[in-house]
């Protein structure tokens, strides 16, 4: 017997069984009603009276002429509803959106679904940080995996460096005495093994390493030929902590210039400096996209909006 012959026999058997069932159903109906009533379709759902379990209500044939139930009245019928007894949106299969941490921000919109936080910080807790020379500045916790922040900083960091150099006395800049000193890691939120999240929590330290990355440091070294000191310690000890925050590329670059005598990073220029005249560069963060460049007496605030940076008033 081939497959086609088997299919014909199987189909015929199903039709026969269905016909037999229908015949039994119509016989039962005829015991109570006449043939006209049994074959009638009062609710116009194409299911005859003798097969229609809901003859006064139009419903699909596959549910014997009855409407599919929607117990929780959420617009999704029970057979398609993953939570038939609790109302929920169709896009979540009829289940309510979860809010695991109970902060009012649904898990689907919550960047920190297991830790309560306000809606304005995408459901993450707000951490107030004070650092640098502006203790009144507070920065909210943000997603530490913030996308493209280094690329965004590359649009402004070289310009800031050039602006500071431009107002520096030309005579001093030309001498071997001058050197760059960039305010880097903040000891107030210093990274060590006791810092939460292996050192990725302090917002300032994360941002400053993204701002003064390899691209801009190498730019400064080549263009101005000056030695560059990073002001805070960045030793090769516990390298995984620093590498995690800074990134492999920048970390490897900086370790080439690690000065064991001072336990700091000294990026050497074309001619070694006598380190008598510092060109101080201090950047503070109001938010990840709003920075303050402290260069007395000409402090400036830059803000990133609509894919570009601009100077704003304090």
C-alpha atoms as a PDB file:
ATOM      1  CA  UNK A   1       0.000   0.000   0.000  1.00  0.00           C
ATOM      2  CA  UNK A   2       1.464   3.355  -1.029  1.00  0.00           C
ATOM      3  CA  UNK A   3       1.195   6.624   0.951  1.00  0.00           C
ATOM      4  CA  UNK A   4      -1.466   8.085  -1.339  1.00  0.00           C
ATOM      5  CA  UNK A   5      -3.737   5.043  -0.957  1.00  0.00           C
ATOM      6  CA  UNK A   6      -3.281   5.126   2.827  1.00  0.00           C
ATOM      7  CA  UNK A   7      -4.176   8.848   2.891  1.00  0.00           C
ATOM      8  CA  UNK A   8      -7.384   8.213   0.931  1.00  0.00           C
ATOM      9  CA  UNK A   9      -8.401   5.418   3.282  1.00  0.00           C
ATOM     10  CA  UNK A  10      -7.576   7.515   6.367  1.00  0.00           C
ATOM     11  CA  UNK A  11      -9.499  10.544   5.036  1.00  0.00           C
ATOM     12  CA  UNK A  12     -12.439   8.386   4.138  1.00  0.00           C
ATOM     13  CA  UNK A  13     -12.466   6.838   7.591  1.00  0.00           C
ATOM     14  CA  UNK A  14     -12.483  10.292   9.212  1.00  0.00           C
ATOM     15  CA  UNK A  15     -15.339  11.467   6.992  1.00  0.00           C
ATOM     16  CA  UNK A  16     -17.253   8.274   7.752  1.00  0.00           C
ATOM     17  CA  UNK A  17     -16.717   8.721  11.489  1.00  0.00           C
ATOM     18  CA  UNK A  18     -17.813  12.353  11.264  1.00  0.00           C
ATOM     19  CA  UNK A  19     -20.866  11.424   9.220  1.00  0.00           C
ATOM     20  CA  UNK A  20     -21.756   8.688  11.701  1.00  0.00           C
ATOM     21  CA  UNK A  21     -21.401  11.167  14.578  1.00  0.00           C
ATOM     22  CA  UNK A  22     -23.531  13.736  12.736  1.00  0.00           C
ATOM     23  CA  UNK A  23     -26.163  11.105  12.021  1.00  0.00           C
ATOM     24  CA  UNK A  24     -26.303  10.172  15.700  1.00  0.00           C
ATOM     25  CA  UNK A  25     -26.573  13.839  16.662  1.00  0.00           C
ATOM     26  CA  UNK A  26     -29.428  14.511  14.256  1.00  0.00           C
ATOM     27  CA  UNK A  27     -31.233  11.385  15.459  1.00  0.00           C
ATOM     28  CA  UNK A  28     -31.061  12.645  19.027  1.00  0.00           C
ATOM     29  CA  UNK A  29     -32.292  16.045  17.907  1.00  0.00           C
ATOM     30  CA  UNK A  30     -35.228  14.536  15.984  1.00  0.00           C
ATOM     31  CA  UNK A  31     -36.455  12.881  19.166  1.00  0.00           C
ATOM     32  CA  UNK A  32     -37.247  16.352  20.531  1.00  0.00           C
ATOM     33  CA  UNK A  33     -37.600  18.573  17.460  1.00  0.00           C
ATOM     34  CA  UNK A  34     -38.663  18.288  13.874  1.00  0.00           C
ATOM     35  CA  UNK A  35     -36.224  18.108  10.947  1.00  0.00           C
ATOM     36  CA  UNK A  36     -36.661  21.778  10.070  1.00  0.00           C
ATOM     37  CA  UNK A  37     -35.607  22.925  13.540  1.00  0.00           C
ATOM     38  CA  UNK A  38     -32.714  20.473  13.695  1.00  0.00           C
ATOM     39  CA  UNK A  39     -31.266  21.775  10.414  1.00  0.00           C
ATOM     40  CA  UNK A  40     -31.970  25.442  11.184  1.00  0.00           C
ATOM     41  CA  UNK A  41     -29.174  27.982  11.842  1.00  0.00           C
ATOM     42  CA  UNK A  42     -30.870  30.720  13.820  1.00  0.00           C
ATOM     43  CA  UNK A  43     -27.621  32.482  14.869  1.00  0.00           C
ATOM     44  CA  UNK A  44     -26.205  32.380  11.316  1.00  0.00           C
ATOM     45  CA  UNK A  45     -22.849  30.864  12.310  1.00  0.00           C
ATOM     46  CA  UNK A  46     -23.048  28.019   9.759  1.00  0.00           C
ATOM     47  CA  UNK A  47     -23.443  25.457  12.540  1.00  0.00           C
ATOM     48  CA  UNK A  48     -26.864  23.713  12.302  1.00  0.00           C
ATOM     49  CA  UNK A  49     -29.051  23.527  15.381  1.00  0.00           C
ATOM     50  CA  UNK A  50     -28.465  19.836  15.948  1.00  0.00           C
ATOM     51  CA  UNK A  51     -24.679  20.430  16.272  1.00  0.00           C
ATOM     52  CA  UNK A  52     -24.791  23.906  17.856  1.00  0.00           C
ATOM     53  CA  UNK A  53     -24.291  23.943  21.590  1.00  0.00           C
ATOM     54  CA  UNK A  54     -25.005  27.697  21.632  1.00  0.00           C
ATOM     55  CA  UNK A  55     -27.835  28.020  19.077  1.00  0.00           C
ATOM     56  CA  UNK A  56     -28.774  31.564  20.164  1.00  0.00           C
ATOM     57  CA  UNK A  57     -25.187  32.889  19.992  1.00  0.00           C
ATOM     58  CA  UNK A  58     -22.963  32.917  16.923  1.00  0.00           C
ATOM     59  CA  UNK A  59     -19.708  31.052  17.420  1.00  0.00           C
ATOM     60  CA  UNK A  60     -17.046  29.147  15.425  1.00  0.00           C
ATOM     61  CA  UNK A  61     -17.690  25.577  14.279  1.00  0.00           C
ATOM     62  CA  UNK A  62     -14.480  24.375  15.933  1.00  0.00           C
ATOM     63  CA  UNK A  63     -16.000  25.389  19.289  1.00  0.00           C
ATOM     64  CA  UNK A  64     -19.381  23.774  18.442  1.00  0.00           C
ATOM     65  CA  UNK A  65     -21.023  27.096  17.619  1.00  0.00           C
ATOM     66  CA  UNK A  66     -20.096  28.786  20.908  1.00  0.00           C
ATOM     67  CA  UNK A  67     -17.968  31.861  21.439  1.00  0.00           C
ATOM     68  CA  UNK A  68     -14.511  31.225  22.788  1.00  0.00           C
ATOM     69  CA  UNK A  69     -14.502  32.335  26.440  1.00  0.00           C
ATOM     70  CA  UNK A  70     -12.488  35.316  27.681  1.00  0.00           C
ATOM     71  CA  UNK A  71     -12.649  34.809  31.421  1.00  0.00           C
ATOM     72  CA  UNK A  72     -10.565  37.839  32.385  1.00  0.00           C
ATOM     73  CA  UNK A  73     -12.164  40.113  29.748  1.00  0.00           C
ATOM     74  CA  UNK A  74      -8.823  41.342  28.424  1.00  0.00           C
ATOM     75  CA  UNK A  75      -9.691  40.853  24.755  1.00  0.00           C
ATOM     76  CA  UNK A  76      -7.655  37.656  24.425  1.00  0.00           C
ATOM     77  CA  UNK A  77      -9.670  34.432  24.411  1.00  0.00           C
ATOM     78  CA  UNK A  78      -8.774  31.807  26.980  1.00  0.00           C
ATOM     79  CA  UNK A  79      -7.311  29.343  24.505  1.00  0.00           C
ATOM     80  CA  UNK A  80      -4.732  31.930  23.413  1.00  0.00           C
ATOM     81  CA  UNK A  81      -4.294  33.529  26.858  1.00  0.00           C
ATOM     82  CA  UNK A  82      -1.274  32.514  28.924  1.00  0.00           C
ATOM     83  CA  UNK A  83      -3.002  34.029  31.989  1.00  0.00           C
ATOM     84  CA  UNK A  84      -6.731  33.363  31.355  1.00  0.00           C
ATOM     85  CA  UNK A  85      -7.828  34.421  34.849  1.00  0.00           C
ATOM     86  CA  UNK A  86      -5.821  37.657  35.051  1.00  0.00           C
ATOM     87  CA  UNK A  87      -6.236  40.518  32.574  1.00  0.00           C
ATOM     88  CA  UNK A  88      -3.177  41.523  30.605  1.00  0.00           C
ATOM     89  CA  UNK A  89      -2.197  43.097  27.263  1.00  0.00           C
ATOM     90  CA  UNK A  90      -2.331  41.098  24.053  1.00  0.00           C
ATOM     91  CA  UNK A  91       1.351  41.844  23.353  1.00  0.00           C
ATOM     92  CA  UNK A  92       2.249  40.010  26.587  1.00  0.00           C
ATOM     93  CA  UNK A  93       0.075  36.973  25.757  1.00  0.00           C
ATOM     94  CA  UNK A  94      -2.715  38.159  28.028  1.00  0.00           C
ATOM     95  CA  UNK A  95      -0.548  38.388  31.152  1.00  0.00           C
ATOM     96  CA  UNK A  96       0.084  41.588  33.126  1.00  0.00           C
ATOM     97  CA  UNK A  97       3.530  43.117  32.680  1.00  0.00           C
ATOM     98  CA  UNK A  98       5.690  42.260  35.655  1.00  0.00           C
ATOM     99  CA  UNK A  99       7.245  44.767  38.035  1.00  0.00           C
ATOM    100  CA  UNK A 100       9.616  42.554  40.000  1.00  0.00           C
ATOM    101  CA  UNK A 101      11.019  45.262  42.262  1.00  0.00           C
ATOM    102  CA  UNK A 102       7.667  47.015  42.776  1.00  0.00           C
ATOM    103  CA  UNK A 103       9.000  50.454  41.854  1.00  0.00           C
ATOM    104  CA  UNK A 104       6.223  51.295  39.415  1.00  0.00           C
ATOM    105  CA  UNK A 105       8.468  50.818  36.376  1.00  0.00           C
ATOM    106  CA  UNK A 106       7.534  47.670  34.471  1.00  0.00           C
ATOM    107  CA  UNK A 107      10.315  45.143  33.963  1.00  0.00           C
ATOM    108  CA  UNK A 108      10.164  45.649  30.198  1.00  0.00           C
ATOM    109  CA  UNK A 109      11.049  49.335  30.705  1.00  0.00           C
ATOM    110  CA  UNK A 110      13.255  48.891  33.783  1.00  0.00           C
ATOM    111  CA  UNK A 111      17.036  48.969  33.380  1.00  0.00           C
ATOM    112  CA  UNK A 112      17.322  47.592  36.930  1.00  0.00           C
ATOM    113  CA  UNK A 113      14.320  45.232  37.202  1.00  0.00           C
ATOM    114  CA  UNK A 114      15.335  43.687  40.532  1.00  0.00           C
ATOM    115  CA  UNK A 115      16.337  46.918  42.307  1.00  0.00           C
ATOM    116  CA  UNK A 116      13.786  49.724  42.956  1.00  0.00           C
ATOM    117  CA  UNK A 117      14.405  53.100  41.367  1.00  0.00           C
ATOM    118  CA  UNK A 118      12.395  56.069  40.039  1.00  0.00           C
ATOM    119  CA  UNK A 119      11.026  56.297  36.521  1.00  0.00           C
ATOM    120  CA  UNK A 120      13.229  59.279  35.623  1.00  0.00           C
ATOM    121  CA  UNK A 121      16.304  57.076  36.030  1.00  0.00           C
ATOM    122  CA  UNK A 122      14.723  54.165  34.118  1.00  0.00           C
ATOM    123  CA  UNK A 123      13.950  52.203  37.273  1.00  0.00           C
ATOM    124  CA  UNK A 124      17.515  52.288  38.610  1.00  0.00           C
ATOM    125  CA  UNK A 125      18.425  53.646  42.046  1.00  0.00           C
ATOM    126  CA  UNK A 126      19.724  57.192  42.201  1.00  0.00           C
ATOM    127  CA  UNK A 127      23.224  57.526  43.576  1.00  0.00           C
ATOM    128  CA  UNK A 128      24.408  60.995  44.512  1.00  0.00           C
ATOM    129  CA  UNK A 129      28.104  61.425  43.844  1.00  0.00           C
ATOM    130  CA  UNK A 130      30.213  64.365  44.895  1.00  0.00           C
ATOM    131  CA  UNK A 131      33.670  64.719  43.451  1.00  0.00           C
ATOM    132  CA  UNK A 132      36.231  67.104  42.068  1.00  0.00           C
ATOM    133  CA  UNK A 133      36.011  70.731  43.208  1.00  0.00           C
ATOM    134  CA  UNK A 134      32.248  71.047  42.825  1.00  0.00           C
ATOM    135  CA  UNK A 135      30.618  69.272  45.812  1.00  0.00           C
ATOM    136  CA  UNK A 136      27.204  70.681  44.861  1.00  0.00           C
ATOM    137  CA  UNK A 137      27.229  68.746  41.603  1.00  0.00           C
ATOM    138  CA  UNK A 138      25.326  65.489  41.745  1.00  0.00           C
ATOM    139  CA  UNK A 139      25.292  62.850  39.090  1.00  0.00           C
ATOM    140  CA  UNK A 140      22.565  60.228  38.904  1.00  0.00           C
ATOM    141  CA  UNK A 141      23.405  56.590  38.405  1.00  0.00           C
ATOM    142  CA  UNK A 142      23.048  55.661  34.769  1.00  0.00           C
ATOM    143  CA  UNK A 143      23.375  52.508  32.773  1.00  0.00           C
ATOM    144  CA  UNK A 144      27.044  51.623  33.130  1.00  0.00           C
ATOM    145  CA  UNK A 145      26.949  49.946  29.760  1.00  0.00           C
ATOM    146  CA  UNK A 146      26.013  53.289  28.194  1.00  0.00           C
ATOM    147  CA  UNK A 147      26.476  52.929  24.468  1.00  0.00           C
ATOM    148  CA  UNK A 148      28.982  54.919  22.399  1.00  0.00           C
ATOM    149  CA  UNK A 149      29.964  57.241  25.259  1.00  0.00           C
ATOM    150  CA  UNK A 150      33.637  57.138  24.247  1.00  0.00           C
ATOM    151  CA  UNK A 151      32.754  58.055  20.651  1.00  0.00           C
ATOM    152  CA  UNK A 152      30.605  60.896  21.952  1.00  0.00           C
ATOM    153  CA  UNK A 153      33.490  62.186  24.083  1.00  0.00           C
ATOM    154  CA  UNK A 154      35.842  61.953  21.106  1.00  0.00           C
ATOM    155  CA  UNK A 155      33.755  64.693  19.509  1.00  0.00           C
ATOM    156  CA  UNK A 156      34.734  67.188  22.222  1.00  0.00           C
ATOM    157  CA  UNK A 157      37.822  66.110  24.204  1.00  0.00           C
ATOM    158  CA  UNK A 158      40.386  67.217  21.602  1.00  0.00           C
ATOM    159  CA  UNK A 159      38.641  70.573  21.250  1.00  0.00           C
ATOM    160  CA  UNK A 160      38.722  71.096  25.011  1.00  0.00           C
ATOM    161  CA  UNK A 161      42.423  70.238  25.091  1.00  0.00           C
ATOM    162  CA  UNK A 162      43.130  72.676  22.251  1.00  0.00           C
ATOM    163  CA  UNK A 163      41.081  75.454  23.910  1.00  0.00           C
ATOM    164  CA  UNK A 164      43.063  75.135  27.138  1.00  0.00           C
ATOM    165  CA  UNK A 165      46.375  75.177  25.287  1.00  0.00           C
ATOM    166  CA  UNK A 166      45.250  78.208  23.264  1.00  0.00           C
ATOM    167  CA  UNK A 167      44.892  80.425  26.346  1.00  0.00           C
ATOM    168  CA  UNK A 168      48.085  79.139  27.954  1.00  0.00           C
ATOM    169  CA  UNK A 169      51.045  81.574  27.770  1.00  0.00           C
ATOM    170  CA  UNK A 170      52.909  80.823  24.551  1.00  0.00           C
ATOM    171  CA  UNK A 171      56.298  81.403  26.137  1.00  0.00           C
ATOM    172  CA  UNK A 172      55.632  78.821  28.858  1.00  0.00           C
ATOM    173  CA  UNK A 173      54.122  76.365  26.384  1.00  0.00           C
ATOM    174  CA  UNK A 174      57.255  76.494  24.238  1.00  0.00           C
ATOM    175  CA  UNK A 175      59.591  75.739  27.132  1.00  0.00           C
ATOM    176  CA  UNK A 176      60.702  72.371  28.442  1.00  0.00           C
ATOM    177  CA  UNK A 177      59.197  73.315  31.791  1.00  0.00           C
ATOM    178  CA  UNK A 178      55.592  72.821  30.681  1.00  0.00           C
ATOM    179  CA  UNK A 179      53.760  69.517  30.977  1.00  0.00           C
ATOM    180  CA  UNK A 180      50.149  68.359  30.979  1.00  0.00           C
ATOM    181  CA  UNK A 181      48.619  67.112  34.191  1.00  0.00           C
ATOM    182  CA  UNK A 182      45.190  65.575  33.659  1.00  0.00           C
ATOM    183  CA  UNK A 183      42.939  65.024  36.655  1.00  0.00           C
ATOM    184  CA  UNK A 184      42.090  61.354  36.402  1.00  0.00           C
ATOM    185  CA  UNK A 185      40.963  58.730  38.926  1.00  0.00           C
ATOM    186  CA  UNK A 186      39.171  60.277  41.932  1.00  0.00           C
ATOM    187  CA  UNK A 187      40.347  58.841  45.236  1.00  0.00           C
ATOM    188  CA  UNK A 188      36.996  59.675  46.828  1.00  0.00           C
ATOM    189  CA  UNK A 189      35.478  56.917  44.744  1.00  0.00           C
ATOM    190  CA  UNK A 190      38.674  54.980  44.298  1.00  0.00           C
ATOM    191  CA  UNK A 191      38.531  51.569  42.693  1.00  0.00           C
ATOM    192  CA  UNK A 192      39.603  48.610  44.769  1.00  0.00           C
ATOM    193  CA  UNK A 193      38.427  45.125  45.593  1.00  0.00           C
ATOM    194  CA  UNK A 194      35.944  46.478  48.144  1.00  0.00           C
ATOM    195  CA  UNK A 195      34.159  48.705  45.661  1.00  0.00           C
ATOM    196  CA  UNK A 196      30.746  47.340  44.564  1.00  0.00           C
ATOM    197  CA  UNK A 197      30.587  45.709  41.151  1.00  0.00           C
ATOM    198  CA  UNK A 198      34.377  45.268  40.994  1.00  0.00           C
ATOM    199  CA  UNK A 199      34.975  48.976  40.572  1.00  0.00           C
ATOM    200  CA  UNK A 200      32.457  49.793  37.854  1.00  0.00           C
ATOM    201  CA  UNK A 201      30.037  51.637  40.162  1.00  0.00           C
ATOM    202  CA  UNK A 202      31.652  55.048  40.691  1.00  0.00           C
ATOM    203  CA  UNK A 203      30.234  57.122  37.892  1.00  0.00           C
ATOM    204  CA  UNK A 204      32.999  59.707  37.797  1.00  0.00           C
ATOM    205  CA  UNK A 205      35.796  57.185  37.482  1.00  0.00           C
ATOM    206  CA  UNK A 206      34.060  55.389  34.643  1.00  0.00           C
ATOM    207  CA  UNK A 207      33.382  58.595  32.725  1.00  0.00           C
ATOM    208  CA  UNK A 208      36.823  60.124  33.195  1.00  0.00           C
ATOM    209  CA  UNK A 209      38.481  57.015  31.767  1.00  0.00           C
ATOM    210  CA  UNK A 210      36.179  57.145  28.760  1.00  0.00           C
ATOM    211  CA  UNK A 211      36.808  60.866  28.290  1.00  0.00           C
ATOM    212  CA  UNK A 212      40.619  60.747  28.516  1.00  0.00           C
ATOM    213  CA  UNK A 213      40.966  57.646  26.394  1.00  0.00           C
ATOM    214  CA  UNK A 214      43.851  56.488  24.227  1.00  0.00           C
ATOM    215  CA  UNK A 215      42.677  58.518  21.211  1.00  0.00           C
ATOM    216  CA  UNK A 216      42.874  61.921  22.874  1.00  0.00           C
ATOM    217  CA  UNK A 217      45.990  61.136  24.932  1.00  0.00           C
ATOM    218  CA  UNK A 218      47.877  60.059  21.836  1.00  0.00           C
ATOM    219  CA  UNK A 219      46.568  63.161  20.036  1.00  0.00           C
ATOM    220  CA  UNK A 220      47.960  65.399  22.799  1.00  0.00           C
ATOM    221  CA  UNK A 221      51.309  63.591  22.863  1.00  0.00           C
ATOM    222  CA  UNK A 222      51.850  63.885  19.114  1.00  0.00           C
ATOM    223  CA  UNK A 223      50.486  67.399  18.570  1.00  0.00           C
ATOM    224  CA  UNK A 224      52.088  69.204  21.520  1.00  0.00           C
ATOM    225  CA  UNK A 225      55.027  66.917  22.323  1.00  0.00           C
ATOM    226  CA  UNK A 226      54.599  67.464  26.058  1.00  0.00           C
ATOM    227  CA  UNK A 227      54.828  64.919  28.835  1.00  0.00           C
ATOM    228  CA  UNK A 228      51.394  63.968  30.149  1.00  0.00           C
ATOM    229  CA  UNK A 229      50.823  62.999  33.761  1.00  0.00           C
ATOM    230  CA  UNK A 230      47.621  61.344  34.864  1.00  0.00           C
ATOM    231  CA  UNK A 231      47.123  62.804  38.321  1.00  0.00           C
ATOM    232  CA  UNK A 232      45.881  59.748  40.192  1.00  0.00           C
ATOM    233  CA  UNK A 233      47.361  56.342  40.726  1.00  0.00           C
ATOM    234  CA  UNK A 234      46.659  53.759  38.061  1.00  0.00           C
ATOM    235  CA  UNK A 235      48.945  50.866  38.851  1.00  0.00           C
ATOM    236  CA  UNK A 236      49.204  47.535  37.063  1.00  0.00           C
ATOM    237  CA  UNK A 237      48.271  45.763  40.293  1.00  0.00           C
ATOM    238  CA  UNK A 238      44.798  44.187  40.295  1.00  0.00           C
ATOM    239  CA  UNK A 239      44.804  44.689  36.508  1.00  0.00           C
ATOM    240  CA  UNK A 240      41.449  43.024  35.934  1.00  0.00           C
ATOM    241  CA  UNK A 241      39.676  45.790  37.868  1.00  0.00           C
ATOM    242  CA  UNK A 242      41.214  48.572  35.790  1.00  0.00           C
ATOM    243  CA  UNK A 243      41.002  46.714  32.520  1.00  0.00           C
ATOM    244  CA  UNK A 244      37.297  46.061  33.079  1.00  0.00           C
ATOM    245  CA  UNK A 245      36.561  49.739  33.529  1.00  0.00           C
ATOM    246  CA  UNK A 246      38.993  51.288  31.045  1.00  0.00           C
ATOM    247  CA  UNK A 247      38.879  48.626  28.362  1.00  0.00           C
ATOM    248  CA  UNK A 248      41.690  46.435  27.046  1.00  0.00           C
ATOM    249  CA  UNK A 249      42.907  48.872  24.407  1.00  0.00           C
ATOM    250  CA  UNK A 250      43.319  51.962  26.598  1.00  0.00           C
ATOM    251  CA  UNK A 251      44.583  49.940  29.553  1.00  0.00           C
ATOM    252  CA  UNK A 252      47.338  48.320  27.488  1.00  0.00           C
ATOM    253  CA  UNK A 253      48.285  51.720  26.078  1.00  0.00           C
ATOM    254  CA  UNK A 254      48.579  53.307  29.520  1.00  0.00           C
ATOM    255  CA  UNK A 255      50.543  50.439  31.002  1.00  0.00           C
ATOM    256  CA  UNK A 256      53.290  51.149  28.447  1.00  0.00           C
ATOM    257  CA  UNK A 257      53.797  54.450  30.279  1.00  0.00           C
ATOM    258  CA  UNK A 258      53.508  53.220  33.858  1.00  0.00           C
ATOM    259  CA  UNK A 259      56.085  54.957  36.081  1.00  0.00           C
ATOM    260  CA  UNK A 260      56.985  52.687  38.972  1.00  0.00           C
ATOM    261  CA  UNK A 261      58.744  55.525  40.840  1.00  0.00           C
ATOM    262  CA  UNK A 262      55.606  57.622  41.155  1.00  0.00           C
ATOM    263  CA  UNK A 263      53.107  54.787  40.721  1.00  0.00           C
ATOM    264  CA  UNK A 264      51.419  56.890  38.028  1.00  0.00           C
ATOM    265  CA  UNK A 265      51.060  57.040  34.289  1.00  0.00           C
ATOM    266  CA  UNK A 266      53.601  59.323  32.593  1.00  0.00           C
ATOM    267  CA  UNK A 267      53.042  59.522  28.845  1.00  0.00           C
ATOM    268  CA  UNK A 268      56.316  60.810  27.505  1.00  0.00           C
ATOM    269  CA  UNK A 269      56.469  63.571  24.922  1.00  0.00           C
ATOM    270  CA  UNK A 270      59.111  64.416  22.312  1.00  0.00           C
ATOM    271  CA  UNK A 271      61.323  66.100  24.895  1.00  0.00           C
ATOM    272  CA  UNK A 272      61.346  65.278  28.589  1.00  0.00           C
ATOM    273  CA  UNK A 273      59.891  68.033  30.755  1.00  0.00           C
ATOM    274  CA  UNK A 274      61.450  69.503  33.888  1.00  0.00           C
ATOM    275  CA  UNK A 275      57.914  69.487  35.366  1.00  0.00           C
ATOM    276  CA  UNK A 276      57.991  73.094  36.548  1.00  0.00           C
ATOM    277  CA  UNK A 277      54.963  74.542  34.750  1.00  0.00           C
ATOM    278  CA  UNK A 278      51.825  72.377  34.859  1.00  0.00           C
ATOM    279  CA  UNK A 279      49.043  72.768  32.313  1.00  0.00           C
ATOM    280  CA  UNK A 280      46.233  71.603  34.571  1.00  0.00           C
ATOM    281  CA  UNK A 281      43.190  70.031  32.940  1.00  0.00           C
ATOM    282  CA  UNK A 282      40.183  69.198  35.112  1.00  0.00           C
ATOM    283  CA  UNK A 283      36.923  67.875  33.719  1.00  0.00           C
ATOM    284  CA  UNK A 284      33.927  67.279  35.976  1.00  0.00           C
ATOM    285  CA  UNK A 285      30.656  65.589  35.073  1.00  0.00           C
ATOM    286  CA  UNK A 286      27.267  67.090  35.826  1.00  0.00           C
ATOM    287  CA  UNK A 287      25.706  64.254  33.858  1.00  0.00           C
ATOM    288  CA  UNK A 288      27.296  61.862  31.354  1.00  0.00           C
ATOM    289  CA  UNK A 289      26.329  64.303  28.602  1.00  0.00           C
ATOM    290  CA  UNK A 290      26.994  67.555  30.433  1.00  0.00           C
ATOM    291  CA  UNK A 291      30.544  68.360  31.534  1.00  0.00           C
ATOM    292  CA  UNK A 292      32.292  71.206  33.262  1.00  0.00           C
ATOM    293  CA  UNK A 293      35.827  72.135  32.287  1.00  0.00           C
ATOM    294  CA  UNK A 294      37.498  73.840  35.227  1.00  0.00           C
ATOM    295  CA  UNK A 295      40.245  76.142  34.035  1.00  0.00           C
ATOM    296  CA  UNK A 296      40.252  79.195  36.275  1.00  0.00           C
ATOM    297  CA  UNK A 297      39.100  81.805  35.610  1.00  0.00           C
ATOM    298  CA  UNK A 298      37.529  80.525  32.391  1.00  0.00           C
ATOM    299  CA  UNK A 299      35.315  77.649  33.473  1.00  0.00           C
ATOM    300  CA  UNK A 300      33.117  76.274  30.691  1.00  0.00           C
ATOM    301  CA  UNK A 301      30.160  73.903  30.534  1.00  0.00           C
ATOM    302  CA  UNK A 302      29.572  71.751  27.470  1.00  0.00           C
ATOM    303  CA  UNK A 303      26.399  69.797  26.765  1.00  0.00           C
ATOM    304  CA  UNK A 304      25.752  67.051  24.231  1.00  0.00           C
ATOM    305  CA  UNK A 305      22.380  67.367  22.456  1.00  0.00           C
ATOM    306  CA  UNK A 306      21.137  66.362  19.032  1.00  0.00           C
ATOM    307  CA  UNK A 307      24.402  64.591  18.176  1.00  0.00           C
ATOM    308  CA  UNK A 308      26.659  67.578  18.869  1.00  0.00           C
ATOM    309  CA  UNK A 309      28.353  69.450  21.704  1.00  0.00           C
ATOM    310  CA  UNK A 310      27.794  73.120  22.525  1.00  0.00           C
ATOM    311  CA  UNK A 311      28.842  75.517  25.274  1.00  0.00           C
ATOM    312  CA  UNK A 312      26.056  76.428  27.695  1.00  0.00           C
ATOM    313  CA  UNK A 313      25.766  79.041  30.406  1.00  0.00           C
ATOM    314  CA  UNK A 314      26.107  78.014  34.027  1.00  0.00           C
END
